[in-house]
Structures are given as C-alpha cells and as structure tokens.
Amino acid sequence: MPVNEDRVPWLPERAARPAAGPLLFLRSLLNNPLKIGAVAPSSPKLSRLMASPVNPSESLVLEIGGGTGSVTRALLETGLAPQRLVVVERDPELAAFLRREFPTVRIRCGEALQAATIASGEFGAPVQTVVSSLPLRNLAKPDQIEIVRAMLDALTEDGQLIQFTYAAGCPVPEKQLGLKAECLGRVWANLPPAAVWRFTAARNAKRANTRH
C-alpha cells in the first residue's frame, strides 16, 4: 500500500535539482562502467520492490551501493526512520550527492567489504536487512563470493540480503554460501528489466562452514 508521504517528514522534495542525479550517475558510469553495472538508475518500481521486504518498525537496514538514491528514497517511503538506515556508497561524488539529498540519513563513503565494520560502528549491532545494488554478476566468481560473504557478516542470524540483478537466474551461488534464495519478482518496466532476490540462511546451514 502506498505510504502517505505527509507522514514521512524526512523525505526530501522530489522536484529539487531533478537533473543532478542522472547526470552524476552518467558521469560515474562513463568513468567506471564495470563498477556501476547499470545503464540507468533503478526505476521507482524496482526500488519499491527492493524495499518491500523491510519491516520499517523493527529493521536496522544497511544499503550497499546507494547510487543516486532511488532505493534510499523507497526505503524511507516504507516509513523506515532515518536513524534505522545507513547507506554505503564507494563513489565520493555520489556519496556527497546522497548527503545533500538525504541530510537526515547517515551516508558513508566505503566498500561493501566493510559492511560488517560499518554496521557495527553505526548501530553497535548486526542489521536485519542488507539491501544491495552492487553489480555482482560483473565480478569474477571469487570476488563475488567474498563480497557476498562480507555483506552476510553484517546480518543477524535470521537477517536477509536483498539483491537485484539483470540476469535471468539467481545472481548469487546460494548453495555454496549456505543460503535459501527466493525471487521476489521481476520488473519489466526497468532499463534493463531486473529481478529482485532475497537470501536468508538455509535451514540447518551454518554460515561459518562456508568459509575455507
């Protein structure tokens, strides 16, 4: 059900500097296309689907790969309070843009590999949800696994990792990582079409056993 934004006072005005985000995204894409991994920011529909598994009254959320804030906005539109959200963005210019757009949200310029350290430093505890917009399928398999493990380390035992992908199949080697994978849906009205997946610890699987 749509959130009445009049009840979410920390959301910035949509109309402020409309061209700034897309232009900054395009510049980052041209500078490092493999790190961005997208041809356009996530559509509102995709962003809402990524935010949909979040319980705004109970979850601490770590967003990885904030970009121009499409998913950040969708998370806040669920009613999630800014103090329950930390956004990590590796590009310094995009991180600075996010700080201007979302002044009440903690934005950290850093890497996904620092996810557990950032969560512990900001919240003093693991989080219930990690929402990732990282281009995992662009990475070599060992790097992909290392980054996913780093994000999992930021989660509580019953936490969830939300990841989107442009690929037809699952973007994470879930069996190797001891995870249960669930596709939450595919958004065709996105450029390009994308699917959202949720990963949780598989029953009776111990995450520590996935390490070598």
N, C-alpha and C. Protein backbone atom coordinates (compact mmCIF):
# COMPACT_ATOMS: atom_id res chain seq x y z
N MET A 1 0.85 -1.18 0.00
CA MET A 1 0.00 0.00 0.00
C MET A 1 0.89 1.24 0.00
N PRO A 2 0.63 2.24 -0.83
CA PRO A 2 1.47 3.43 -0.88
C PRO A 2 1.51 4.15 0.46
N VAL A 3 2.65 4.71 0.77
CA VAL A 3 2.82 5.46 2.00
C VAL A 3 2.41 6.90 1.77
N ASN A 4 1.67 7.47 2.71
CA ASN A 4 1.33 8.88 2.64
C ASN A 4 2.57 9.67 3.03
N GLU A 5 3.21 10.33 2.06
CA GLU A 5 4.48 10.99 2.33
C GLU A 5 4.32 12.16 3.28
N ASP A 6 3.08 12.65 3.52
CA ASP A 6 2.89 13.68 4.51
C ASP A 6 3.26 13.18 5.90
N ARG A 7 3.25 11.85 6.07
CA ARG A 7 3.59 11.25 7.36
C ARG A 7 5.05 10.83 7.42
N VAL A 8 5.80 11.11 6.41
CA VAL A 8 7.22 10.78 6.38
C VAL A 8 7.99 12.09 6.20
N PRO A 9 8.13 12.89 7.26
CA PRO A 9 8.65 14.26 7.13
C PRO A 9 10.10 14.34 6.72
N TRP A 10 10.87 13.23 6.81
CA TRP A 10 12.29 13.31 6.47
C TRP A 10 12.57 13.08 4.99
N LEU A 11 11.52 12.84 4.19
CA LEU A 11 11.73 12.69 2.75
C LEU A 11 11.96 14.04 2.10
N PRO A 12 13.01 14.16 1.26
CA PRO A 12 13.23 15.43 0.56
C PRO A 12 12.22 15.61 -0.56
N GLU A 13 12.11 16.83 -1.03
CA GLU A 13 11.22 17.13 -2.14
C GLU A 13 11.72 16.45 -3.41
N ARG A 14 10.82 15.81 -4.15
CA ARG A 14 11.20 15.11 -5.38
C ARG A 14 11.71 16.08 -6.45
N ALA A 15 11.19 17.29 -6.47
CA ALA A 15 11.48 18.19 -7.57
C ALA A 15 12.82 18.90 -7.45
N ALA A 16 13.49 18.78 -6.32
CA ALA A 16 14.73 19.51 -6.11
C ALA A 16 15.83 18.98 -7.04
N ARG A 17 16.44 19.87 -7.84
CA ARG A 17 17.56 19.55 -8.72
C ARG A 17 17.34 18.25 -9.49
N PRO A 18 16.30 18.16 -10.34
CA PRO A 18 15.94 16.90 -10.98
C PRO A 18 17.02 16.32 -11.87
N ALA A 19 17.87 17.16 -12.48
CA ALA A 19 18.85 16.64 -13.42
C ALA A 19 20.15 16.22 -12.75
N ALA A 20 20.37 16.63 -11.50
CA ALA A 20 21.66 16.40 -10.86
C ALA A 20 21.97 14.92 -10.72
N GLY A 21 21.00 14.13 -10.24
CA GLY A 21 21.24 12.72 -10.03
C GLY A 21 21.56 11.96 -11.31
N PRO A 22 20.74 12.05 -12.35
CA PRO A 22 21.03 11.34 -13.61
C PRO A 22 22.36 11.74 -14.23
N LEU A 23 22.70 13.03 -14.18
CA LEU A 23 23.96 13.46 -14.77
C LEU A 23 25.16 12.90 -14.00
N LEU A 24 25.05 12.89 -12.69
CA LEU A 24 26.12 12.35 -11.87
C LEU A 24 26.25 10.84 -12.07
N PHE A 25 25.11 10.18 -12.20
CA PHE A 25 25.13 8.74 -12.48
C PHE A 25 25.82 8.45 -13.81
N LEU A 26 25.48 9.24 -14.83
CA LEU A 26 26.08 9.05 -16.14
C LEU A 26 27.59 9.26 -16.09
N ARG A 27 28.03 10.27 -15.37
CA ARG A 27 29.46 10.52 -15.25
C ARG A 27 30.16 9.33 -14.57
N SER A 28 29.57 8.80 -13.50
CA SER A 28 30.16 7.65 -12.81
C SER A 28 30.18 6.42 -13.71
N LEU A 29 29.12 6.25 -14.50
CA LEU A 29 29.05 5.13 -15.42
C LEU A 29 30.16 5.20 -16.46
N LEU A 30 30.37 6.38 -17.02
CA LEU A 30 31.40 6.55 -18.05
C LEU A 30 32.79 6.37 -17.46
N ASN A 31 32.98 6.79 -16.21
CA ASN A 31 34.29 6.67 -15.58
C ASN A 31 34.63 5.23 -15.22
N ASN A 32 33.61 4.46 -14.83
CA ASN A 32 33.88 3.10 -14.39
C ASN A 32 32.67 2.21 -14.61
N PRO A 33 32.39 1.79 -15.86
CA PRO A 33 31.17 1.05 -16.17
C PRO A 33 31.05 -0.28 -15.45
N LEU A 34 32.15 -0.99 -15.22
CA LEU A 34 32.07 -2.29 -14.56
C LEU A 34 31.68 -2.15 -13.09
N LYS A 35 32.08 -1.05 -12.46
CA LYS A 35 31.75 -0.84 -11.06
C LYS A 35 30.30 -0.40 -10.89
N ILE A 36 29.78 0.36 -11.86
CA ILE A 36 28.39 0.81 -11.79
C ILE A 36 27.45 -0.32 -12.18
N GLY A 37 27.71 -0.95 -13.32
CA GLY A 37 26.96 -2.14 -13.71
C GLY A 37 25.54 -1.91 -14.14
N ALA A 38 25.15 -0.66 -14.43
CA ALA A 38 23.80 -0.34 -14.87
C ALA A 38 23.88 0.73 -15.93
N VAL A 39 22.83 0.85 -16.74
CA VAL A 39 22.80 1.90 -17.75
C VAL A 39 21.90 3.06 -17.32
N ALA A 40 21.18 2.89 -16.22
CA ALA A 40 20.29 3.93 -15.70
C ALA A 40 20.02 3.64 -14.23
N PRO A 41 19.70 4.68 -13.44
CA PRO A 41 19.33 4.43 -12.05
C PRO A 41 18.11 3.51 -11.96
N SER A 42 17.98 2.82 -10.83
CA SER A 42 16.85 1.92 -10.64
C SER A 42 15.53 2.69 -10.75
N SER A 43 14.56 2.10 -11.43
CA SER A 43 13.25 2.73 -11.57
C SER A 43 12.53 2.74 -10.22
N PRO A 44 11.55 3.63 -10.04
CA PRO A 44 10.79 3.63 -8.79
C PRO A 44 10.14 2.28 -8.48
N LYS A 45 9.66 1.58 -9.52
CA LYS A 45 9.01 0.29 -9.27
C LYS A 45 10.02 -0.74 -8.77
N LEU A 46 11.21 -0.78 -9.38
CA LEU A 46 12.24 -1.70 -8.91
C LEU A 46 12.68 -1.33 -7.50
N SER A 47 12.84 -0.05 -7.25
CA SER A 47 13.26 0.39 -5.92
C SER A 47 12.24 0.02 -4.86
N ARG A 48 10.96 0.16 -5.18
CA ARG A 48 9.92 -0.21 -4.22
C ARG A 48 9.92 -1.71 -3.96
N LEU A 49 10.17 -2.51 -5.00
CA LEU A 49 10.22 -3.95 -4.81
C LEU A 49 11.41 -4.32 -3.91
N MET A 50 12.54 -3.65 -4.08
CA MET A 50 13.69 -3.92 -3.23
C MET A 50 13.41 -3.54 -1.78
N ALA A 51 12.64 -2.50 -1.57
CA ALA A 51 12.35 -2.05 -0.21
C ALA A 51 11.21 -2.83 0.44
N SER A 52 10.44 -3.56 -0.35
CA SER A 52 9.21 -4.18 0.16
C SER A 52 9.42 -5.21 1.28
N PRO A 53 10.55 -5.95 1.36
CA PRO A 53 10.70 -6.91 2.45
C PRO A 53 11.07 -6.28 3.80
N VAL A 54 11.31 -4.99 3.82
CA VAL A 54 11.78 -4.33 5.04
C VAL A 54 10.61 -4.06 5.99
N ASN A 55 10.79 -4.42 7.26
CA ASN A 55 9.83 -4.08 8.31
C ASN A 55 10.29 -2.75 8.90
N PRO A 56 9.61 -1.65 8.59
CA PRO A 56 10.13 -0.34 8.98
C PRO A 56 10.16 -0.10 10.48
N SER A 57 9.35 -0.81 11.24
CA SER A 57 9.29 -0.58 12.68
C SER A 57 10.30 -1.42 13.45
N GLU A 58 10.90 -2.43 12.81
CA GLU A 58 11.80 -3.33 13.52
C GLU A 58 13.18 -3.44 12.91
N SER A 59 13.33 -3.14 11.64
CA SER A 59 14.58 -3.42 10.94
C SER A 59 15.62 -2.32 11.10
N LEU A 60 16.87 -2.73 11.27
CA LEU A 60 18.02 -1.88 11.02
C LEU A 60 18.49 -2.25 9.62
N VAL A 61 18.72 -1.26 8.77
CA VAL A 61 18.98 -1.52 7.35
C VAL A 61 20.31 -0.91 6.93
N LEU A 62 21.09 -1.71 6.23
CA LEU A 62 22.32 -1.24 5.61
C LEU A 62 22.14 -1.34 4.11
N GLU A 63 22.19 -0.20 3.42
CA GLU A 63 22.08 -0.19 1.96
C GLU A 63 23.47 -0.09 1.37
N ILE A 64 23.79 -1.01 0.46
CA ILE A 64 25.10 -1.02 -0.18
C ILE A 64 24.96 -0.60 -1.64
N GLY A 65 25.69 0.44 -2.03
CA GLY A 65 25.60 0.94 -3.40
C GLY A 65 24.45 1.91 -3.54
N GLY A 66 24.52 3.02 -2.83
CA GLY A 66 23.39 3.97 -2.80
C GLY A 66 23.12 4.67 -4.12
N GLY A 67 24.15 4.81 -4.97
CA GLY A 67 23.94 5.45 -6.27
C GLY A 67 23.38 6.85 -6.14
N THR A 68 22.29 7.12 -6.84
CA THR A 68 21.65 8.44 -6.78
C THR A 68 20.44 8.47 -5.86
N GLY A 69 20.23 7.40 -5.10
CA GLY A 69 19.23 7.45 -4.04
C GLY A 69 17.86 6.88 -4.35
N SER A 70 17.70 6.18 -5.47
CA SER A 70 16.39 5.63 -5.81
C SER A 70 15.90 4.65 -4.75
N VAL A 71 16.78 3.75 -4.33
CA VAL A 71 16.39 2.76 -3.33
C VAL A 71 16.32 3.40 -1.95
N THR A 72 17.21 4.34 -1.67
CA THR A 72 17.16 5.05 -0.39
C THR A 72 15.80 5.70 -0.19
N ARG A 73 15.33 6.36 -1.23
CA ARG A 73 14.01 7.01 -1.13
C ARG A 73 12.91 5.97 -0.89
N ALA A 74 12.97 4.85 -1.63
CA ALA A 74 11.95 3.83 -1.47
C ALA A 74 11.97 3.25 -0.05
N LEU A 75 13.14 3.08 0.53
CA LEU A 75 13.23 2.59 1.90
C LEU A 75 12.59 3.58 2.87
N LEU A 76 12.84 4.86 2.70
CA LEU A 76 12.23 5.86 3.57
C LEU A 76 10.73 5.93 3.36
N GLU A 77 10.27 5.68 2.15
CA GLU A 77 8.84 5.71 1.87
C GLU A 77 8.08 4.57 2.54
N THR A 78 8.79 3.51 2.97
CA THR A 78 8.11 2.46 3.73
C THR A 78 7.75 2.93 5.14
N GLY A 79 8.32 4.06 5.55
CA GLY A 79 8.16 4.55 6.91
C GLY A 79 9.38 4.29 7.77
N LEU A 80 10.44 3.72 7.17
CA LEU A 80 11.68 3.48 7.89
C LEU A 80 12.27 4.80 8.35
N ALA A 81 12.56 4.91 9.64
CA ALA A 81 13.14 6.14 10.18
C ALA A 81 14.60 6.27 9.75
N PRO A 82 15.07 7.50 9.50
CA PRO A 82 16.45 7.69 9.04
C PRO A 82 17.49 7.08 9.98
N GLN A 83 17.22 7.09 11.28
CA GLN A 83 18.20 6.56 12.22
C GLN A 83 18.31 5.04 12.15
N ARG A 84 17.42 4.38 11.42
CA ARG A 84 17.49 2.94 11.23
C ARG A 84 18.16 2.56 9.90
N LEU A 85 18.67 3.57 9.19
CA LEU A 85 19.23 3.33 7.86
C LEU A 85 20.63 3.94 7.75
N VAL A 86 21.55 3.14 7.22
CA VAL A 86 22.88 3.64 6.84
C VAL A 86 23.11 3.24 5.39
N VAL A 87 23.58 4.19 4.58
CA VAL A 87 23.81 3.95 3.17
C VAL A 87 25.31 4.01 2.90
N VAL A 88 25.83 2.99 2.20
CA VAL A 88 27.24 2.93 1.85
C VAL A 88 27.37 3.12 0.34
N GLU A 89 28.21 4.07 -0.05
CA GLU A 89 28.46 4.34 -1.47
C GLU A 89 29.96 4.55 -1.65
N ARG A 90 30.56 3.81 -2.58
CA ARG A 90 32.01 3.86 -2.77
C ARG A 90 32.48 5.09 -3.55
N ASP A 91 31.63 5.65 -4.41
CA ASP A 91 32.00 6.80 -5.22
C ASP A 91 31.86 8.08 -4.38
N PRO A 92 32.95 8.83 -4.16
CA PRO A 92 32.87 10.02 -3.30
C PRO A 92 31.88 11.07 -3.79
N GLU A 93 31.78 11.25 -5.11
CA GLU A 93 30.84 12.25 -5.63
C GLU A 93 29.40 11.82 -5.40
N LEU A 94 29.12 10.55 -5.63
CA LEU A 94 27.76 10.07 -5.37
C LEU A 94 27.44 10.12 -3.87
N ALA A 95 28.41 9.79 -3.03
CA ALA A 95 28.19 9.87 -1.59
C ALA A 95 27.87 11.30 -1.16
N ALA A 96 28.60 12.28 -1.73
CA ALA A 96 28.34 13.68 -1.41
C ALA A 96 26.94 14.09 -1.89
N PHE A 97 26.56 13.60 -3.08
CA PHE A 97 25.22 13.89 -3.60
C PHE A 97 24.15 13.34 -2.67
N LEU A 98 24.35 12.10 -2.19
CA LEU A 98 23.37 11.48 -1.29
C LEU A 98 23.24 12.26 0.02
N ARG A 99 24.35 12.76 0.51
CA ARG A 99 24.30 13.55 1.76
C ARG A 99 23.46 14.81 1.57
N ARG A 100 23.56 15.41 0.39
CA ARG A 100 22.74 16.60 0.13
C ARG A 100 21.27 16.24 -0.03
N GLU A 101 21.00 15.11 -0.70
CA GLU A 101 19.62 14.72 -0.95
C GLU A 101 18.92 14.17 0.28
N PHE A 102 19.68 13.52 1.15
CA PHE A 102 19.09 12.88 2.33
C PHE A 102 19.88 13.30 3.57
N PRO A 103 19.72 14.55 3.99
CA PRO A 103 20.55 15.08 5.08
C PRO A 103 20.31 14.42 6.43
N THR A 104 19.20 13.72 6.61
CA THR A 104 18.95 13.06 7.89
C THR A 104 19.38 11.60 7.91
N VAL A 105 19.90 11.09 6.77
CA VAL A 105 20.36 9.70 6.67
C VAL A 105 21.88 9.68 6.77
N ARG A 106 22.41 8.68 7.46
CA ARG A 106 23.87 8.54 7.54
C ARG A 106 24.39 7.91 6.25
N ILE A 107 25.19 8.66 5.53
CA ILE A 107 25.80 8.21 4.27
C ILE A 107 27.29 7.99 4.53
N ARG A 108 27.79 6.83 4.20
CA ARG A 108 29.20 6.52 4.43
C ARG A 108 29.87 6.17 3.10
N CYS A 109 30.98 6.82 2.81
CA CYS A 109 31.75 6.51 1.61
C CYS A 109 32.66 5.33 1.95
N GLY A 110 32.38 4.18 1.37
CA GLY A 110 33.14 2.99 1.71
C GLY A 110 32.84 1.85 0.76
N GLU A 111 33.36 0.68 1.10
CA GLU A 111 33.25 -0.51 0.27
C GLU A 111 32.33 -1.54 0.90
N ALA A 112 31.76 -2.41 0.06
CA ALA A 112 30.92 -3.49 0.56
C ALA A 112 31.69 -4.42 1.49
N LEU A 113 32.99 -4.57 1.26
CA LEU A 113 33.80 -5.43 2.12
C LEU A 113 33.86 -4.92 3.54
N GLN A 114 33.51 -3.67 3.76
CA GLN A 114 33.50 -3.08 5.10
C GLN A 114 32.11 -3.14 5.76
N ALA A 115 31.19 -3.89 5.17
CA ALA A 115 29.79 -3.87 5.61
C ALA A 115 29.64 -4.17 7.10
N ALA A 116 30.26 -5.24 7.57
CA ALA A 116 30.11 -5.62 8.99
C ALA A 116 30.70 -4.57 9.91
N THR A 117 31.86 -4.01 9.54
CA THR A 117 32.50 -2.98 10.35
C THR A 117 31.64 -1.72 10.41
N ILE A 118 31.08 -1.34 9.26
CA ILE A 118 30.22 -0.15 9.23
C ILE A 118 28.96 -0.37 10.05
N ALA A 119 28.33 -1.54 9.91
CA ALA A 119 27.11 -1.82 10.68
C ALA A 119 27.39 -1.78 12.17
N SER A 120 28.50 -2.40 12.57
CA SER A 120 28.85 -2.41 13.99
C SER A 120 29.15 -1.01 14.50
N GLY A 121 29.87 -0.22 13.68
CA GLY A 121 30.21 1.13 14.10
C GLY A 121 29.02 2.06 14.18
N GLU A 122 28.07 1.90 13.27
CA GLU A 122 26.92 2.81 13.22
C GLU A 122 25.78 2.39 14.15
N PHE A 123 25.55 1.09 14.24
CA PHE A 123 24.42 0.59 15.03
C PHE A 123 24.84 -0.10 16.32
N GLY A 124 26.11 -0.51 16.39
CA GLY A 124 26.56 -1.27 17.55
C GLY A 124 26.07 -2.69 17.55
N ALA A 125 25.55 -3.14 16.42
CA ALA A 125 24.97 -4.49 16.31
C ALA A 125 24.79 -4.83 14.85
N PRO A 126 24.62 -6.13 14.54
CA PRO A 126 24.29 -6.51 13.16
C PRO A 126 22.93 -5.97 12.76
N VAL A 127 22.66 -5.97 11.46
CA VAL A 127 21.39 -5.45 10.95
C VAL A 127 20.47 -6.60 10.53
N GLN A 128 19.19 -6.29 10.42
CA GLN A 128 18.22 -7.28 9.96
C GLN A 128 18.20 -7.40 8.44
N THR A 129 18.56 -6.31 7.76
CA THR A 129 18.46 -6.31 6.29
C THR A 129 19.64 -5.57 5.67
N VAL A 130 20.25 -6.21 4.67
CA VAL A 130 21.19 -5.55 3.79
C VAL A 130 20.52 -5.48 2.42
N VAL A 131 20.45 -4.29 1.85
CA VAL A 131 19.88 -4.08 0.52
C VAL A 131 21.03 -3.69 -0.41
N SER A 132 21.27 -4.51 -1.41
CA SER A 132 22.44 -4.32 -2.28
C SER A 132 22.05 -4.04 -3.72
N SER A 133 22.67 -2.99 -4.27
CA SER A 133 22.53 -2.69 -5.70
C SER A 133 23.85 -2.92 -6.43
N LEU A 134 24.71 -3.74 -5.87
CA LEU A 134 26.01 -3.99 -6.48
C LEU A 134 25.87 -4.84 -7.74
N PRO A 135 26.72 -4.60 -8.74
CA PRO A 135 26.68 -5.39 -9.98
C PRO A 135 27.44 -6.71 -9.79
N LEU A 136 26.91 -7.61 -9.00
CA LEU A 136 27.64 -8.83 -8.63
C LEU A 136 28.02 -9.67 -9.84
N ARG A 137 27.14 -9.72 -10.84
CA ARG A 137 27.42 -10.57 -11.99
C ARG A 137 28.56 -10.03 -12.85
N ASN A 138 28.98 -8.80 -12.62
CA ASN A 138 30.12 -8.24 -13.35
C ASN A 138 31.45 -8.67 -12.76
N LEU A 139 31.41 -9.26 -11.57
CA LEU A 139 32.63 -9.59 -10.85
C LEU A 139 33.08 -11.01 -11.13
N ALA A 140 34.38 -11.23 -10.97
CA ALA A 140 34.90 -12.59 -11.02
C ALA A 140 34.32 -13.39 -9.86
N LYS A 141 34.13 -14.68 -10.05
CA LYS A 141 33.46 -15.52 -9.05
C LYS A 141 34.09 -15.39 -7.65
N PRO A 142 35.41 -15.46 -7.49
CA PRO A 142 35.97 -15.32 -6.14
C PRO A 142 35.65 -13.98 -5.50
N ASP A 143 35.68 -12.89 -6.28
CA ASP A 143 35.36 -11.56 -5.74
C ASP A 143 33.88 -11.48 -5.37
N GLN A 144 33.05 -12.06 -6.21
CA GLN A 144 31.61 -12.09 -5.94
C GLN A 144 31.32 -12.76 -4.61
N ILE A 145 31.93 -13.93 -4.40
CA ILE A 145 31.70 -14.67 -3.16
C ILE A 145 32.23 -13.90 -1.96
N GLU A 146 33.40 -13.29 -2.11
CA GLU A 146 33.99 -12.53 -1.00
C GLU A 146 33.08 -11.37 -0.59
N ILE A 147 32.52 -10.67 -1.56
CA ILE A 147 31.67 -9.53 -1.26
C ILE A 147 30.35 -9.98 -0.63
N VAL A 148 29.76 -11.04 -1.17
CA VAL A 148 28.50 -11.54 -0.59
C VAL A 148 28.73 -11.98 0.85
N ARG A 149 29.82 -12.68 1.11
CA ARG A 149 30.13 -13.09 2.48
C ARG A 149 30.29 -11.89 3.40
N ALA A 150 30.94 -10.84 2.89
CA ALA A 150 31.12 -9.63 3.69
C ALA A 150 29.77 -9.01 4.05
N MET A 151 28.83 -8.99 3.11
CA MET A 151 27.50 -8.45 3.41
C MET A 151 26.74 -9.35 4.38
N LEU A 152 26.90 -10.67 4.23
CA LEU A 152 26.24 -11.59 5.15
C LEU A 152 26.77 -11.43 6.57
N ASP A 153 28.04 -11.10 6.69
CA ASP A 153 28.63 -10.91 8.02
C ASP A 153 28.03 -9.73 8.76
N ALA A 154 27.38 -8.82 8.04
CA ALA A 154 26.75 -7.66 8.67
C ALA A 154 25.36 -7.98 9.21
N LEU A 155 24.86 -9.18 8.90
CA LEU A 155 23.48 -9.55 9.24
C LEU A 155 23.37 -10.31 10.55
N THR A 156 22.20 -10.20 11.18
CA THR A 156 21.85 -11.08 12.27
C THR A 156 21.66 -12.50 11.71
N GLU A 157 21.58 -13.49 12.57
CA GLU A 157 21.45 -14.88 12.10
C GLU A 157 20.19 -15.08 11.27
N ASP A 158 19.13 -14.36 11.59
CA ASP A 158 17.88 -14.50 10.83
C ASP A 158 17.67 -13.33 9.87
N GLY A 159 18.77 -12.64 9.51
CA GLY A 159 18.65 -11.49 8.64
C GLY A 159 18.47 -11.87 7.18
N GLN A 160 18.28 -10.85 6.34
CA GLN A 160 18.04 -11.07 4.92
C GLN A 160 18.90 -10.13 4.07
N LEU A 161 19.38 -10.69 2.96
CA LEU A 161 20.11 -9.91 1.96
C LEU A 161 19.20 -9.76 0.75
N ILE A 162 18.95 -8.51 0.35
CA ILE A 162 18.13 -8.21 -0.82
C ILE A 162 19.06 -7.74 -1.92
N GLN A 163 18.98 -8.40 -3.08
CA GLN A 163 19.88 -8.10 -4.19
C GLN A 163 19.09 -8.08 -5.49
N PHE A 164 19.36 -7.08 -6.34
CA PHE A 164 18.71 -7.10 -7.65
C PHE A 164 19.71 -7.52 -8.71
N THR A 165 19.20 -8.00 -9.83
CA THR A 165 20.05 -8.45 -10.93
C THR A 165 19.34 -8.27 -12.25
N TYR A 166 20.12 -8.06 -13.30
CA TYR A 166 19.58 -8.04 -14.65
C TYR A 166 19.59 -9.42 -15.27
N ALA A 167 20.24 -10.37 -14.62
CA ALA A 167 20.37 -11.72 -15.17
C ALA A 167 19.05 -12.47 -15.07
N ALA A 168 18.94 -13.51 -15.89
CA ALA A 168 17.71 -14.32 -15.88
C ALA A 168 17.63 -15.20 -14.64
N GLY A 169 18.78 -15.61 -14.12
CA GLY A 169 18.80 -16.52 -12.97
C GLY A 169 19.30 -15.86 -11.70
N CYS A 170 19.53 -16.69 -10.69
CA CYS A 170 19.97 -16.22 -9.39
C CYS A 170 21.36 -15.58 -9.49
N PRO A 171 21.56 -14.40 -8.88
CA PRO A 171 22.84 -13.70 -9.01
C PRO A 171 23.90 -14.16 -8.01
N VAL A 172 23.55 -15.07 -7.12
CA VAL A 172 24.44 -15.49 -6.03
C VAL A 172 24.53 -17.01 -6.00
N PRO A 173 25.73 -17.58 -5.80
CA PRO A 173 25.86 -19.04 -5.67
C PRO A 173 25.34 -19.48 -4.30
N GLU A 174 24.02 -19.57 -4.19
CA GLU A 174 23.38 -19.70 -2.88
C GLU A 174 23.74 -21.00 -2.16
N LYS A 175 23.87 -22.10 -2.89
CA LYS A 175 24.18 -23.37 -2.23
C LYS A 175 25.57 -23.35 -1.65
N GLN A 176 26.51 -22.79 -2.39
CA GLN A 176 27.88 -22.70 -1.90
C GLN A 176 27.97 -21.85 -0.63
N LEU A 177 27.08 -20.87 -0.52
CA LEU A 177 27.10 -19.96 0.61
C LEU A 177 26.14 -20.37 1.72
N GLY A 178 25.45 -21.49 1.55
CA GLY A 178 24.52 -21.96 2.57
C GLY A 178 23.30 -21.07 2.72
N LEU A 179 22.75 -20.62 1.59
CA LEU A 179 21.65 -19.69 1.62
C LEU A 179 20.39 -20.26 0.97
N LYS A 180 19.26 -19.76 1.42
CA LYS A 180 17.99 -20.01 0.76
C LYS A 180 17.71 -18.82 -0.14
N ALA A 181 17.39 -19.07 -1.40
CA ALA A 181 17.16 -18.00 -2.37
C ALA A 181 15.69 -17.94 -2.76
N GLU A 182 15.16 -16.73 -2.83
CA GLU A 182 13.76 -16.53 -3.23
C GLU A 182 13.68 -15.33 -4.16
N CYS A 183 13.13 -15.53 -5.35
CA CYS A 183 12.93 -14.42 -6.27
C CYS A 183 11.63 -13.69 -5.89
N LEU A 184 11.74 -12.42 -5.58
CA LEU A 184 10.58 -11.64 -5.15
C LEU A 184 9.77 -11.09 -6.32
N GLY A 185 10.36 -11.13 -7.50
CA GLY A 185 9.63 -10.63 -8.67
C GLY A 185 10.57 -10.01 -9.68
N ARG A 186 10.06 -9.79 -10.88
CA ARG A 186 10.82 -9.17 -11.96
C ARG A 186 10.08 -7.91 -12.40
N VAL A 187 10.84 -6.85 -12.61
CA VAL A 187 10.28 -5.57 -13.04
C VAL A 187 10.65 -5.37 -14.50
N TRP A 188 9.67 -5.50 -15.36
CA TRP A 188 9.92 -5.35 -16.79
C TRP A 188 10.04 -3.89 -17.18
N ALA A 189 9.36 -3.02 -16.43
CA ALA A 189 9.41 -1.58 -16.73
C ALA A 189 10.62 -0.95 -16.07
N ASN A 190 11.77 -1.53 -16.30
CA ASN A 190 13.04 -1.00 -15.80
C ASN A 190 14.03 -1.09 -16.94
N LEU A 191 15.07 -0.25 -16.95
CA LEU A 191 16.04 -0.26 -18.04
C LEU A 191 17.40 -0.71 -17.51
N PRO A 192 17.82 -1.97 -17.84
CA PRO A 192 17.01 -3.04 -18.45
C PRO A 192 16.12 -3.71 -17.41
N PRO A 193 15.23 -4.62 -17.82
CA PRO A 193 14.40 -5.35 -16.85
C PRO A 193 15.27 -6.03 -15.79
N ALA A 194 14.77 -6.06 -14.56
CA ALA A 194 15.56 -6.58 -13.45
C ALA A 194 14.69 -7.41 -12.52
N ALA A 195 15.34 -8.32 -11.81
CA ALA A 195 14.67 -9.15 -10.81
C ALA A 195 15.26 -8.86 -9.44
N VAL A 196 14.45 -9.05 -8.41
CA VAL A 196 14.88 -8.85 -7.03
C VAL A 196 14.86 -10.19 -6.30
N TRP A 197 15.96 -10.51 -5.61
CA TRP A 197 16.10 -11.77 -4.89
C TRP A 197 16.32 -11.49 -3.41
N ARG A 198 15.79 -12.41 -2.59
CA ARG A 198 16.02 -12.37 -1.15
C ARG A 198 16.80 -13.62 -0.74
N PHE A 199 17.83 -13.42 0.07
CA PHE A 199 18.66 -14.52 0.56
C PHE A 199 18.63 -14.55 2.08
N THR A 200 18.37 -15.72 2.62
CA THR A 200 18.40 -15.94 4.06
C THR A 200 19.19 -17.22 4.32
N ALA A 201 19.58 -17.42 5.57
CA ALA A 201 20.33 -18.62 5.91
C ALA A 201 19.46 -19.84 5.68
N ALA A 202 20.01 -20.83 4.95
CA ALA A 202 19.27 -22.06 4.72
C ALA A 202 19.09 -22.80 6.04
N ARG A 203 17.98 -23.49 6.19
CA ARG A 203 17.71 -24.24 7.42
C ARG A 203 18.81 -25.26 7.66
N ASN A 204 19.29 -25.27 8.88
CA ASN A 204 20.35 -26.19 9.32
C ASN A 204 21.71 -25.89 8.71
N ALA A 205 21.81 -24.79 7.93
CA ALA A 205 23.12 -24.44 7.36
C ALA A 205 23.83 -23.47 8.29
N LYS A 206 25.11 -23.68 8.49
CA LYS A 206 25.90 -22.78 9.34
C LYS A 206 26.79 -21.94 8.43
N ARG A 207 26.62 -20.61 8.53
CA ARG A 207 27.35 -19.74 7.65
C ARG A 207 28.85 -19.91 7.81
N ALA A 208 29.30 -20.19 9.03
CA ALA A 208 30.75 -20.33 9.26
C ALA A 208 31.34 -21.45 8.42
N ASN A 209 30.53 -22.47 8.10
CA ASN A 209 31.05 -23.60 7.33
C ASN A 209 31.28 -23.25 5.87
N THR A 210 30.81 -22.10 5.42
CA THR A 210 31.02 -21.71 4.03
C THR A 210 32.40 -21.13 3.82
N ARG A 211 33.11 -20.84 4.91
CA ARG A 211 34.44 -20.26 4.79
C ARG A 211 35.48 -21.36 4.66
N HIS A 212 36.56 -21.06 3.98
CA HIS A 212 37.62 -22.03 3.77
C HIS A 212 38.89 -21.55 4.44
